Amino acid sequence: MKLLRDRAADAVEEMDLPGCDPARLDRTYAQFALVNRAVSGWRGLYRTQLRPRLSAGSPTTLLDIGCGGGDVPVMLSHWAARDGLRLDITAIDPDPRASRFARKRHASAGISFRQATAAELVAEGRSYDLVVSNHVLHHLGQDELRSFLAESAALCSGRVFHNDLRRSPAAYALFFALSWAFTGSYIRQDGLTSIRRSYTAPELESAAPPGWTVARHSPFHNLLVLNKTASDTTDRDKTDGTAVDG
């Protein structure tokens, strides 16, 4: 598909515009929970990559960068609690609208939601055992991507997992066919734009600094991983560019 041959780096998602409709924006944040649960593969990531690093004794700290409406950290918190594991989650987003929605909708989730950037947390000297993001990388140009990866690496003492869309004609066609059901929000048009803006695996490998690896994850996602724990080399934990169970 010629439309997807090159990354649409300059395309703009309507929900990112400061003047977008606030009611439609809130519906978009609410519907993200359905989309992420259906297609983002976080259940598989939790089971294979996050859960083995959690403990029932001492809490593991996790930072979610660019949390949007907050549904991904809420899912992770729920799964960990169900498994009897202790997970202390901080979720940040620089957009005051997203931060406000997440704090209001998930007030009882036991998650620390903050309006902040990763750079601000670096300046505060923060550090977390695990750092994750969902559907953030495609918003970034190559220079912004390098800064974002440097910041997430500085904030992490263990492993970083950035989960994002992988551009392909199949992903675009499938989302076009199925997303009609998401009415009254920006999900459909912005989702198609997001796919056009997303990186292929080779593009992401080329843009990422040394030390980062790209794994194929779920049908239409890339997983960009940094391991900061040199001793953490068991077969269970390796992500060497092969598919990750989604």
Protein backbone atom coordinates (compact mmCIF):
# COMPACT_ATOMS: atom_id res chain seq x y z
CA MET A 1 0.00 0.00 0.00
CA LYS A 2 1.66 3.20 -1.20
CA LEU A 3 0.09 5.20 1.65
CA LEU A 4 2.20 3.23 4.15
CA ARG A 5 5.46 2.97 2.22
CA ASP A 6 7.02 5.82 4.21
CA ARG A 7 6.40 6.85 7.79
CA ALA A 8 3.95 9.80 8.02
CA ALA A 9 6.09 11.61 10.57
CA ASP A 10 4.35 14.96 10.07
CA ALA A 11 0.77 13.69 10.37
CA VAL A 12 -1.20 15.10 13.31
CA GLU A 13 -3.71 13.24 15.47
CA GLU A 14 -6.83 15.28 16.21
CA MET A 15 -6.86 14.43 19.92
CA ASP A 16 -3.43 16.05 20.29
CA LEU A 17 -4.74 19.42 19.11
CA PRO A 18 -5.31 21.89 21.98
CA GLY A 19 -8.71 22.87 20.62
CA CYS A 20 -10.17 19.40 20.17
CA ASP A 21 -13.63 18.67 21.57
CA PRO A 22 -13.28 17.81 25.29
CA ALA A 23 -16.27 15.44 25.34
CA ARG A 24 -14.94 13.47 22.37
CA LEU A 25 -11.50 13.46 23.97
CA ASP A 26 -12.84 11.96 27.21
CA ARG A 27 -14.69 9.29 25.21
CA THR A 28 -11.44 8.57 23.40
CA TYR A 29 -9.58 8.05 26.68
CA ALA A 30 -12.40 5.79 27.90
CA GLN A 31 -12.39 3.72 24.70
CA PHE A 32 -8.61 3.29 24.85
CA ALA A 33 -9.24 0.72 27.57
CA LEU A 34 -11.11 -1.48 25.08
CA VAL A 35 -8.58 -0.97 22.30
CA ASN A 36 -5.54 -1.66 24.48
CA ARG A 37 -7.07 -4.75 26.03
CA ALA A 38 -7.95 -6.09 22.58
CA VAL A 39 -4.85 -5.36 20.52
CA SER A 40 -1.88 -4.12 22.56
CA GLY A 41 -0.85 -7.45 24.04
CA TRP A 42 -0.23 -6.26 27.60
CA ARG A 43 -1.55 -9.48 29.12
CA GLY A 44 1.20 -11.42 27.35
CA LEU A 45 3.80 -8.81 28.27
CA TYR A 46 2.77 -8.98 31.90
CA ARG A 47 2.88 -12.76 31.96
CA THR A 48 6.23 -13.23 30.18
CA GLN A 49 8.19 -10.06 30.93
CA LEU A 50 6.85 -8.27 34.00
CA ARG A 51 5.45 -10.92 36.33
CA PRO A 52 8.76 -12.87 36.57
CA ARG A 53 10.35 -9.68 37.96
CA LEU A 54 7.74 -9.08 40.67
CA SER A 55 7.76 -10.28 44.27
CA ALA A 56 5.18 -11.02 46.93
CA GLY A 57 7.60 -9.70 49.55
CA SER A 58 9.14 -6.39 48.56
CA PRO A 59 7.41 -3.96 46.18
CA THR A 60 8.66 -3.48 42.62
CA THR A 61 8.43 0.08 41.31
CA LEU A 62 7.13 0.70 37.80
CA LEU A 63 6.85 3.91 35.79
CA ASP A 64 4.41 4.24 32.88
CA ILE A 65 5.43 7.15 30.63
CA GLY A 66 2.66 8.77 28.58
CA CYS A 67 -0.13 6.87 30.31
CA GLY A 68 -3.02 8.65 28.55
CA GLY A 69 -6.31 7.65 30.19
CA GLY A 70 -4.51 5.33 32.60
CA ASP A 71 -5.97 1.98 31.56
CA VAL A 72 -2.64 0.16 31.05
CA PRO A 73 -1.24 0.83 34.55
CA VAL A 74 -4.63 -0.10 36.00
CA MET A 75 -4.52 -3.45 34.18
CA LEU A 76 -0.98 -4.13 35.37
CA SER A 77 -1.91 -3.24 38.95
CA HIS A 78 -4.96 -5.53 38.82
CA TRP A 79 -3.03 -8.50 37.45
CA ALA A 80 -0.24 -8.12 40.00
CA ALA A 81 -2.68 -7.86 42.90
CA ARG A 82 -4.56 -10.93 41.67
CA ASP A 83 -1.27 -12.85 41.62
CA GLY A 84 -0.38 -11.71 45.12
CA LEU A 85 2.57 -9.62 43.89
CA ARG A 86 3.50 -6.14 45.07
CA LEU A 87 3.71 -3.48 42.35
CA ASP A 88 4.05 0.23 43.08
CA ILE A 89 3.05 2.16 39.94
CA THR A 90 3.63 5.79 38.97
CA ALA A 91 1.93 6.87 35.72
CA ILE A 92 2.76 10.17 34.05
CA ASP A 93 1.48 12.15 31.07
CA PRO A 94 2.47 15.69 30.07
CA ASP A 95 -1.05 16.50 28.79
CA PRO A 96 -3.14 18.02 31.60
CA ARG A 97 -6.32 16.66 30.00
CA ALA A 98 -5.07 13.07 30.10
CA SER A 99 -3.72 13.43 33.62
CA ARG A 100 -6.98 14.90 34.87
CA PHE A 101 -9.04 12.13 33.23
CA ALA A 102 -6.83 9.35 34.65
CA ARG A 103 -6.87 10.74 38.20
CA LYS A 104 -10.65 11.12 38.14
CA ARG A 105 -11.51 7.80 36.49
CA HIS A 106 -9.03 5.70 38.48
CA ALA A 107 -9.05 7.50 41.82
CA SER A 108 -9.35 4.25 43.77
CA ALA A 109 -6.81 2.24 41.76
CA GLY A 110 -3.88 2.86 44.11
CA ILE A 111 -1.74 4.35 41.34
CA SER A 112 0.16 7.62 41.54
CA PHE A 113 -0.93 9.65 38.49
CA ARG A 114 1.10 12.78 37.73
CA GLN A 115 1.10 15.43 35.05
CA ALA A 116 4.80 15.35 34.22
CA THR A 117 7.38 14.57 31.56
CA ALA A 118 10.09 11.95 31.79
CA ALA A 119 12.66 14.77 31.68
CA GLU A 120 11.12 16.31 34.81
CA LEU A 121 11.42 13.00 36.67
CA VAL A 122 15.04 12.68 35.57
CA ALA A 123 15.69 16.17 36.99
CA GLU A 124 14.09 15.02 40.26
CA GLY A 125 16.50 12.09 40.44
CA ARG A 126 13.77 9.45 40.27
CA SER A 127 14.51 5.78 39.61
CA TYR A 128 12.24 2.78 39.00
CA ASP A 129 12.77 -0.96 38.70
CA LEU A 130 10.71 -1.11 35.50
CA VAL A 131 9.78 1.54 32.95
CA VAL A 132 7.09 1.01 30.30
CA SER A 133 5.16 2.95 27.70
CA ASN A 134 2.29 2.14 25.37
CA HIS A 135 1.72 3.72 21.95
CA VAL A 136 4.10 6.61 22.60
CA LEU A 137 6.98 6.03 20.19
CA HIS A 138 5.03 6.79 17.01
CA HIS A 139 4.40 10.32 18.29
CA LEU A 140 8.15 11.00 18.20
CA GLY A 141 10.51 12.02 15.44
CA GLN A 142 13.95 10.42 15.42
CA ASP A 143 15.60 13.18 17.50
CA GLU A 144 12.72 13.16 19.97
CA LEU A 145 12.91 9.37 20.09
CA ARG A 146 16.57 9.41 21.07
CA SER A 147 15.87 11.90 23.87
CA PHE A 148 12.90 9.88 25.07
CA LEU A 149 14.93 6.67 25.14
CA ALA A 150 17.78 8.37 27.00
CA GLU A 151 15.32 9.68 29.60
CA SER A 152 13.58 6.34 30.08
CA ALA A 153 16.96 4.63 30.43
CA ALA A 154 18.05 7.18 33.04
CA LEU A 155 14.87 6.51 35.04
CA CYS A 156 15.27 2.72 35.08
CA SER A 157 17.45 0.41 37.14
CA GLY A 158 16.14 -2.80 35.58
CA ARG A 159 14.35 -3.11 32.26
CA VAL A 160 12.53 -0.75 29.92
CA PHE A 161 9.67 -1.94 27.69
CA HIS A 162 8.26 0.42 25.06
CA ASN A 163 5.27 -1.16 23.30
CA ASP A 164 4.13 0.51 20.08
CA LEU A 165 2.32 -0.03 16.80
CA ARG A 166 4.14 -1.52 13.82
CA ARG A 167 3.20 0.04 10.48
CA SER A 168 1.88 -2.39 7.88
CA PRO A 169 -0.87 -2.56 5.26
CA ALA A 170 -2.49 -5.42 7.18
CA ALA A 171 -2.67 -3.40 10.39
CA TYR A 172 -4.15 -0.41 8.57
CA ALA A 173 -6.72 -2.50 6.69
CA LEU A 174 -7.82 -4.43 9.77
CA PHE A 175 -8.20 -1.34 11.92
CA PHE A 176 -10.08 0.43 9.12
CA ALA A 177 -12.49 -2.51 8.92
CA LEU A 178 -13.10 -2.91 12.66
CA SER A 179 -12.86 0.58 14.13
CA TRP A 180 -16.23 1.78 12.84
CA ALA A 181 -17.72 0.66 16.16
CA PHE A 182 -15.84 3.36 18.10
CA THR A 183 -18.27 6.23 17.68
CA GLY A 184 -18.26 9.64 19.33
CA SER A 185 -14.49 9.68 19.81
CA TYR A 186 -11.22 10.19 17.94
CA ILE A 187 -10.34 6.48 17.99
CA ARG A 188 -11.01 5.68 14.34
CA GLN A 189 -9.35 8.59 12.55
CA ASP A 190 -6.50 8.97 15.01
CA GLY A 191 -5.89 5.22 15.11
CA LEU A 192 -5.41 5.16 11.35
CA THR A 193 -3.12 8.18 11.61
CA SER A 194 -1.16 6.44 14.38
CA ILE A 195 -0.53 3.42 12.17
CA ARG A 196 0.72 5.70 9.40
CA ARG A 197 3.04 7.45 11.89
CA SER A 198 4.39 4.26 13.45
CA TYR A 199 7.81 2.71 12.89
CA THR A 200 8.52 -0.56 11.15
CA ALA A 201 10.89 -2.85 13.03
CA PRO A 202 13.90 -1.98 10.80
CA GLU A 203 13.18 1.74 11.17
CA LEU A 204 13.03 1.41 14.94
CA GLU A 205 16.22 -0.66 15.05
CA SER A 206 17.98 2.00 12.98
CA ALA A 207 16.74 4.87 15.15
CA ALA A 208 17.41 3.32 18.57
CA PRO A 209 20.84 3.70 20.24
CA PRO A 210 23.09 0.69 20.93
CA GLY A 211 21.84 -1.56 23.71
CA TRP A 212 18.19 -1.46 22.70
CA THR A 213 16.59 -4.46 20.99
CA VAL A 214 13.41 -4.67 18.92
CA ALA A 215 11.12 -7.68 19.24
CA ARG A 216 7.98 -8.43 17.25
CA HIS A 217 5.09 -8.40 19.69
CA SER A 218 1.46 -9.34 19.11
CA PRO A 219 0.23 -9.23 15.50
CA PHE A 220 0.94 -5.56 14.82
CA HIS A 221 3.28 -4.26 17.53
CA ASN A 222 6.97 -3.72 18.15
CA LEU A 223 8.52 -4.04 21.60
CA LEU A 224 11.62 -1.92 22.17
CA VAL A 225 13.60 -3.25 25.14
CA LEU A 226 16.58 -2.11 27.19
CA ASN A 227 18.11 -4.40 29.80
CA LYS A 228 20.07 -2.45 32.43
CA THR A 229 20.65 -5.49 34.65
CA ALA A 230 23.67 -7.28 33.21
CA SER A 231 23.10 -10.40 35.30
CA ASP A 232 19.51 -10.77 34.10
CA THR A 233 20.25 -13.22 31.28
CA THR A 234 18.03 -16.25 31.83
CA ASP A 235 16.40 -17.73 28.76
CA ARG A 236 13.02 -16.75 30.15
CA ASP A 237 13.94 -13.09 30.11
CA LYS A 238 15.69 -12.73 26.78
CA THR A 239 14.14 -10.60 24.06
CA ASP A 240 16.51 -10.97 21.14
CA GLY A 241 14.33 -9.75 18.30
CA THR A 242 12.10 -12.83 18.15
CA ALA A 243 8.37 -12.75 18.73
CA VAL A 244 7.11 -12.03 22.21
CA ASP A 245 3.97 -13.83 23.33
CA GLY A 246 1.09 -11.37 23.12
